[in-house]
Amino acid sequence: GTVSLVTALAAGAILAMVVDTMIPEAVEVTHLMTGLVTSAGFLVSLAVSHAGG
């Protein structure tokens, strides 16, 4: 419900902040692609984590 939505938004904001802080050169050059690749990488790691047990 609402708690899940708020938690998901907070997690997305934290992920965006970490990418913007830790990888500033990539964000400066290709801003949109950095977000997409980071999100894709996160989803792949989540899928692998769930597939492994």
C-alpha atoms as a PDB file:
ATOM      1  CA  GLY A   1       0.000   0.000   0.000  1.00  0.00           C
ATOM      2  CA  THR A   2       1.084   3.487   0.884  1.00  0.00           C
ATOM      3  CA  VAL A   3       4.059   2.407   2.979  1.00  0.00           C
ATOM      4  CA  SER A   4       5.442   0.367   0.084  1.00  0.00           C
ATOM      5  CA  LEU A   5       5.097   3.319  -2.281  1.00  0.00           C
ATOM      6  CA  VAL A   6       6.852   5.705   0.104  1.00  0.00           C
ATOM      7  CA  THR A   7       9.624   3.178   0.732  1.00  0.00           C
ATOM      8  CA  ALA A   8      10.132   2.636  -3.006  1.00  0.00           C
ATOM      9  CA  LEU A   9      10.326   6.384  -3.629  1.00  0.00           C
ATOM     10  CA  ALA A  10      12.818   6.808  -0.798  1.00  0.00           C
ATOM     11  CA  ALA A  11      14.958   3.952  -2.115  1.00  0.00           C
ATOM     12  CA  GLY A  12      14.956   5.480  -5.590  1.00  0.00           C
ATOM     13  CA  ALA A  13      15.961   8.854  -4.200  1.00  0.00           C
ATOM     14  CA  ILE A  14      18.811   7.305  -2.224  1.00  0.00           C
ATOM     15  CA  LEU A  15      20.023   5.372  -5.282  1.00  0.00           C
ATOM     16  CA  ALA A  16      19.951   8.537  -7.400  1.00  0.00           C
ATOM     17  CA  MET A  17      21.830  10.487  -4.722  1.00  0.00           C
ATOM     18  CA  VAL A  18      24.522   7.808  -4.441  1.00  0.00           C
ATOM     19  CA  VAL A  19      25.035   7.708  -8.212  1.00  0.00           C
ATOM     20  CA  ASP A  20      25.168  11.500  -8.441  1.00  0.00           C
ATOM     21  CA  THR A  21      27.688  11.682  -5.591  1.00  0.00           C
ATOM     22  CA  MET A  22      29.869   8.674  -6.358  1.00  0.00           C
ATOM     23  CA  ILE A  23      29.989   8.916 -10.152  1.00  0.00           C
ATOM     24  CA  PRO A  24      29.879  12.654 -10.981  1.00  0.00           C
ATOM     25  CA  GLU A  25      31.881  12.346 -14.211  1.00  0.00           C
ATOM     26  CA  ALA A  26      29.407   9.880 -15.697  1.00  0.00           C
ATOM     27  CA  VAL A  27      26.457  12.044 -14.684  1.00  0.00           C
ATOM     28  CA  GLU A  28      28.020  15.119 -16.313  1.00  0.00           C
ATOM     29  CA  VAL A  29      28.612  13.407 -19.667  1.00  0.00           C
ATOM     30  CA  THR A  30      25.534  11.206 -20.131  1.00  0.00           C
ATOM     31  CA  HIS A  31      22.965  12.166 -17.536  1.00  0.00           C
ATOM     32  CA  LEU A  32      20.019  10.105 -18.829  1.00  0.00           C
ATOM     33  CA  MET A  33      22.009   6.989 -19.677  1.00  0.00           C
ATOM     34  CA  THR A  34      23.672   6.975 -16.258  1.00  0.00           C
ATOM     35  CA  GLY A  35      20.307   6.698 -14.548  1.00  0.00           C
ATOM     36  CA  LEU A  36      19.054   4.010 -16.907  1.00  0.00           C
ATOM     37  CA  VAL A  37      22.196   1.899 -16.624  1.00  0.00           C
ATOM     38  CA  THR A  38      22.235   2.250 -12.836  1.00  0.00           C
ATOM     39  CA  SER A  39      18.587   1.215 -12.623  1.00  0.00           C
ATOM     40  CA  ALA A  40      19.185  -1.738 -14.941  1.00  0.00           C
ATOM     41  CA  GLY A  41      22.179  -2.830 -12.889  1.00  0.00           C
ATOM     42  CA  PHE A  42      20.162  -2.616  -9.696  1.00  0.00           C
ATOM     43  CA  LEU A  43      17.343  -4.682 -11.208  1.00  0.00           C
ATOM     44  CA  VAL A  44      19.798  -7.330 -12.433  1.00  0.00           C
ATOM     45  CA  SER A  45      21.431  -7.566  -9.008  1.00  0.00           C
ATOM     46  CA  LEU A  46      17.987  -7.844  -7.403  1.00  0.00           C
ATOM     47  CA  ALA A  47      16.977 -10.617  -9.818  1.00  0.00           C
ATOM     48  CA  VAL A  48      20.209 -12.536  -9.219  1.00  0.00           C
ATOM     49  CA  SER A  49      19.774 -12.145  -5.474  1.00  0.00           C
ATOM     50  CA  HIS A  50      16.243 -13.531  -5.574  1.00  0.00           C
ATOM     51  CA  ALA A  51      17.167 -16.344  -7.971  1.00  0.00           C
ATOM     52  CA  GLY A  52      19.963 -17.464  -5.676  1.00  0.00           C
ATOM     53  CA  GLY A  53      17.745 -17.970  -2.692  1.00  0.00           C
END
